[in-house]
Amino acid sequence: MQQEKIRAKLDKLEAVTQMSNCCELEDYVTNHALPMILVDGNGHIIYWNKTMSRLVGKPLKEVKGKKPKDVFYEVPEDFDILFKTIKTVGHIIGSEVLLKTKYGPQKFNLYSNVHKDENDRMLNTRCVFVPIENGIL
């Protein structure tokens, strides 16, 4: 009985810690000056920041749960290739992508890395888009 109580408390503590880490990450993403999104292990948008909303012209609630290729990739197949790379390698450093923006197609460098839990399971992937041309943001 005592073991069960201890296990329950540890489980609750772990859940609170994960929620705290998630909130810190969400705050980091929200306040970042560059366009940034978080996608889940299946490639669906779970969060994006205000800069991304302004760039694409769509609020988070309109795109949450959709795949980036269906929302803002000019060449949808690029997302499939990049996401497979992210899942295999764990990151992408400066891969050029063409995104649909409210200003028309724009080139960005994608920087991405996977966040994993203590069991090495993918939690989410953070993607930062750095404009190649000045004056986009």
C-alpha atoms as a PDB file:
ATOM      1  CA  MET A   1       0.000   0.000   0.000  1.00  0.00           C
ATOM      2  CA  GLN A   2       2.820   2.424   0.895  1.00  0.00           C
ATOM      3  CA  GLN A   3       4.569   1.638  -2.405  1.00  0.00           C
ATOM      4  CA  GLU A   4       1.405   2.521  -4.335  1.00  0.00           C
ATOM      5  CA  LYS A   5       1.139   5.892  -2.566  1.00  0.00           C
ATOM      6  CA  ILE A   6       4.762   6.676  -3.284  1.00  0.00           C
ATOM      7  CA  ARG A   7       4.358   5.648  -6.936  1.00  0.00           C
ATOM      8  CA  ALA A   8       1.233   7.842  -7.250  1.00  0.00           C
ATOM      9  CA  LYS A   9       3.093  10.833  -5.793  1.00  0.00           C
ATOM     10  CA  LEU A  10       6.046  10.273  -8.124  1.00  0.00           C
ATOM     11  CA  ASP A  11       3.719  10.016 -11.116  1.00  0.00           C
ATOM     12  CA  LYS A  12       2.010  13.262 -10.118  1.00  0.00           C
ATOM     13  CA  LEU A  13       5.362  15.009  -9.644  1.00  0.00           C
ATOM     14  CA  GLU A  14       6.525  13.809 -13.055  1.00  0.00           C
ATOM     15  CA  ALA A  15       3.333  15.091 -14.695  1.00  0.00           C
ATOM     16  CA  VAL A  16       3.712  18.511 -13.036  1.00  0.00           C
ATOM     17  CA  THR A  17       7.380  18.692 -14.081  1.00  0.00           C
ATOM     18  CA  GLN A  18       6.531  17.854 -17.695  1.00  0.00           C
ATOM     19  CA  MET A  19       3.757  20.464 -17.675  1.00  0.00           C
ATOM     20  CA  SER A  20       6.189  23.051 -16.275  1.00  0.00           C
ATOM     21  CA  ASN A  21       8.788  22.248 -18.939  1.00  0.00           C
ATOM     22  CA  CYS A  22       6.095  22.489 -21.603  1.00  0.00           C
ATOM     23  CA  CYS A  23       4.968  25.892 -20.308  1.00  0.00           C
ATOM     24  CA  GLU A  24       8.561  27.170 -20.294  1.00  0.00           C
ATOM     25  CA  LEU A  25       9.036  25.978 -23.863  1.00  0.00           C
ATOM     26  CA  GLU A  26       5.721  27.521 -24.907  1.00  0.00           C
ATOM     27  CA  ASP A  27       6.757  30.868 -23.366  1.00  0.00           C
ATOM     28  CA  TYR A  28      10.092  30.665 -25.181  1.00  0.00           C
ATOM     29  CA  VAL A  29       8.361  29.971 -28.491  1.00  0.00           C
ATOM     30  CA  THR A  30       5.673  32.640 -27.962  1.00  0.00           C
ATOM     31  CA  ASN A  31       8.179  35.403 -27.268  1.00  0.00           C
ATOM     32  CA  HIS A  32      10.776  34.475 -29.890  1.00  0.00           C
ATOM     33  CA  ALA A  33      11.429  37.159 -32.519  1.00  0.00           C
ATOM     34  CA  LEU A  34      11.758  34.639 -35.353  1.00  0.00           C
ATOM     35  CA  PRO A  35       8.906  32.558 -36.790  1.00  0.00           C
ATOM     36  CA  MET A  36       8.779  29.346 -34.770  1.00  0.00           C
ATOM     37  CA  ILE A  37       6.482  26.331 -34.559  1.00  0.00           C
ATOM     38  CA  LEU A  38       6.218  23.143 -32.540  1.00  0.00           C
ATOM     39  CA  VAL A  39       5.037  19.968 -34.245  1.00  0.00           C
ATOM     40  CA  ASP A  40       4.173  16.648 -32.630  1.00  0.00           C
ATOM     41  CA  GLY A  41       5.631  13.259 -33.489  1.00  0.00           C
ATOM     42  CA  ASN A  42       3.185  12.855 -36.377  1.00  0.00           C
ATOM     43  CA  GLY A  43       4.082  16.207 -37.918  1.00  0.00           C
ATOM     44  CA  HIS A  44       0.997  18.148 -36.799  1.00  0.00           C
ATOM     45  CA  ILE A  45       1.245  21.738 -35.607  1.00  0.00           C
ATOM     46  CA  ILE A  46       0.747  21.941 -31.852  1.00  0.00           C
ATOM     47  CA  TYR A  47       1.888  25.519 -31.367  1.00  0.00           C
ATOM     48  CA  TRP A  48       3.293  28.508 -33.202  1.00  0.00           C
ATOM     49  CA  ASN A  49       4.285  31.981 -32.175  1.00  0.00           C
ATOM     50  CA  LYS A  50       2.930  35.425 -32.945  1.00  0.00           C
ATOM     51  CA  THR A  51       5.668  36.079 -35.490  1.00  0.00           C
ATOM     52  CA  MET A  52       4.583  33.000 -37.447  1.00  0.00           C
ATOM     53  CA  SER A  53       0.942  34.111 -37.247  1.00  0.00           C
ATOM     54  CA  ARG A  54       1.842  37.534 -38.648  1.00  0.00           C
ATOM     55  CA  LEU A  55       4.023  36.038 -41.377  1.00  0.00           C
ATOM     56  CA  VAL A  56       1.468  33.510 -42.608  1.00  0.00           C
ATOM     57  CA  GLY A  57      -1.584  35.615 -41.769  1.00  0.00           C
ATOM     58  CA  LYS A  58      -3.339  32.883 -39.777  1.00  0.00           C
ATOM     59  CA  PRO A  59      -3.911  32.486 -36.029  1.00  0.00           C
ATOM     60  CA  LEU A  60      -2.834  29.337 -34.191  1.00  0.00           C
ATOM     61  CA  LYS A  61      -6.431  28.168 -33.685  1.00  0.00           C
ATOM     62  CA  GLU A  62      -6.859  28.000 -37.467  1.00  0.00           C
ATOM     63  CA  VAL A  63      -3.808  25.794 -38.071  1.00  0.00           C
ATOM     64  CA  LYS A  64      -3.470  23.727 -34.901  1.00  0.00           C
ATOM     65  CA  GLY A  65      -3.610  20.013 -35.711  1.00  0.00           C
ATOM     66  CA  LYS A  66      -2.760  20.541 -39.387  1.00  0.00           C
ATOM     67  CA  LYS A  67       0.513  19.626 -41.051  1.00  0.00           C
ATOM     68  CA  PRO A  68       2.785  22.515 -42.016  1.00  0.00           C
ATOM     69  CA  LYS A  69       2.845  21.274 -45.620  1.00  0.00           C
ATOM     70  CA  ASP A  70      -0.914  21.890 -45.798  1.00  0.00           C
ATOM     71  CA  VAL A  71      -0.636  25.386 -44.335  1.00  0.00           C
ATOM     72  CA  PHE A  72       2.515  27.193 -45.416  1.00  0.00           C
ATOM     73  CA  TYR A  73       4.968  25.059 -47.412  1.00  0.00           C
ATOM     74  CA  GLU A  74       5.154  26.218 -51.030  1.00  0.00           C
ATOM     75  CA  VAL A  75       6.393  22.723 -51.996  1.00  0.00           C
ATOM     76  CA  PRO A  76       4.486  20.313 -49.701  1.00  0.00           C
ATOM     77  CA  GLU A  77       6.793  17.374 -50.476  1.00  0.00           C
ATOM     78  CA  ASP A  78       9.682  19.313 -48.887  1.00  0.00           C
ATOM     79  CA  PHE A  79       8.015  18.986 -45.495  1.00  0.00           C
ATOM     80  CA  ASP A  80       7.753  15.197 -45.817  1.00  0.00           C
ATOM     81  CA  ILE A  81      11.460  14.904 -46.652  1.00  0.00           C
ATOM     82  CA  LEU A  82      12.519  17.315 -43.896  1.00  0.00           C
ATOM     83  CA  PHE A  83      10.308  15.732 -41.251  1.00  0.00           C
ATOM     84  CA  LYS A  84      11.691  12.281 -42.056  1.00  0.00           C
ATOM     85  CA  THR A  85      15.203  13.725 -41.666  1.00  0.00           C
ATOM     86  CA  ILE A  86      14.300  15.353 -38.350  1.00  0.00           C
ATOM     87  CA  LYS A  87      12.920  12.069 -36.988  1.00  0.00           C
ATOM     88  CA  THR A  88      15.979  10.133 -38.182  1.00  0.00           C
ATOM     89  CA  VAL A  89      18.826  12.550 -37.442  1.00  0.00           C
ATOM     90  CA  GLY A  90      17.212  14.593 -34.653  1.00  0.00           C
ATOM     91  CA  HIS A  91      17.869  18.013 -36.151  1.00  0.00           C
ATOM     92  CA  ILE A  92      18.150  20.155 -39.260  1.00  0.00           C
ATOM     93  CA  ILE A  93      20.649  22.973 -39.583  1.00  0.00           C
ATOM     94  CA  GLY A  94      19.960  25.671 -42.144  1.00  0.00           C
ATOM     95  CA  SER A  95      18.002  23.782 -44.795  1.00  0.00           C
ATOM     96  CA  GLU A  96      16.492  26.187 -47.332  1.00  0.00           C
ATOM     97  CA  VAL A  97      12.686  26.085 -47.565  1.00  0.00           C
ATOM     98  CA  LEU A  98      10.171  28.084 -49.559  1.00  0.00           C
ATOM     99  CA  LEU A  99       7.174  29.151 -47.495  1.00  0.00           C
ATOM    100  CA  LYS A 100       3.811  30.626 -48.409  1.00  0.00           C
ATOM    101  CA  THR A 101       3.486  33.936 -46.598  1.00  0.00           C
ATOM    102  CA  LYS A 102       0.928  36.708 -46.767  1.00  0.00           C
ATOM    103  CA  TYR A 103       3.597  38.581 -48.781  1.00  0.00           C
ATOM    104  CA  GLY A 104       3.948  35.743 -51.299  1.00  0.00           C
ATOM    105  CA  PRO A 105       6.545  32.941 -51.427  1.00  0.00           C
ATOM    106  CA  GLN A 106       9.620  33.641 -49.282  1.00  0.00           C
ATOM    107  CA  LYS A 107      12.883  31.719 -48.731  1.00  0.00           C
ATOM    108  CA  PHE A 108      13.912  30.747 -45.198  1.00  0.00           C
ATOM    109  CA  ASN A 109      16.576  28.613 -43.584  1.00  0.00           C
ATOM    110  CA  LEU A 110      15.049  25.980 -41.307  1.00  0.00           C
ATOM    111  CA  TYR A 111      16.699  25.115 -38.002  1.00  0.00           C
ATOM    112  CA  SER A 112      15.015  22.306 -36.130  1.00  0.00           C
ATOM    113  CA  ASN A 113      15.612  19.913 -33.264  1.00  0.00           C
ATOM    114  CA  VAL A 114      13.692  17.149 -31.545  1.00  0.00           C
ATOM    115  CA  HIS A 115      12.713  17.276 -27.867  1.00  0.00           C
ATOM    116  CA  LYS A 116      12.586  13.834 -26.257  1.00  0.00           C
ATOM    117  CA  ASP A 117      11.486  12.511 -22.902  1.00  0.00           C
ATOM    118  CA  GLU A 118      13.693  10.547 -20.500  1.00  0.00           C
ATOM    119  CA  ASN A 119      12.812   7.340 -22.384  1.00  0.00           C
ATOM    120  CA  ASP A 120      14.076   8.823 -25.659  1.00  0.00           C
ATOM    121  CA  ARG A 121      10.552   9.189 -27.064  1.00  0.00           C
ATOM    122  CA  MET A 122       9.863  12.183 -29.295  1.00  0.00           C
ATOM    123  CA  LEU A 123       7.763  14.823 -27.518  1.00  0.00           C
ATOM    124  CA  ASN A 124       7.836  17.532 -30.165  1.00  0.00           C
ATOM    125  CA  THR A 125      10.022  19.236 -32.700  1.00  0.00           C
ATOM    126  CA  ARG A 126      10.866  22.922 -32.595  1.00  0.00           C
ATOM    127  CA  CYS A 127      11.272  24.575 -35.988  1.00  0.00           C
ATOM    128  CA  VAL A 128      12.740  28.064 -36.393  1.00  0.00           C
ATOM    129  CA  PHE A 129      12.570  29.823 -39.747  1.00  0.00           C
ATOM    130  CA  VAL A 130      15.306  32.390 -40.434  1.00  0.00           C
ATOM    131  CA  PRO A 131      14.618  34.706 -43.383  1.00  0.00           C
ATOM    132  CA  ILE A 132      17.212  34.584 -46.137  1.00  0.00           C
ATOM    133  CA  GLU A 133      16.269  38.026 -47.457  1.00  0.00           C
ATOM    134  CA  ASN A 134      16.325  41.122 -45.266  1.00  0.00           C
ATOM    135  CA  GLY A 135      13.120  42.971 -44.474  1.00  0.00           C
ATOM    136  CA  ILE A 136      10.693  40.034 -44.473  1.00  0.00           C
ATOM    137  CA  LEU A 137       9.855  40.237 -40.782  1.00  0.00           C
END
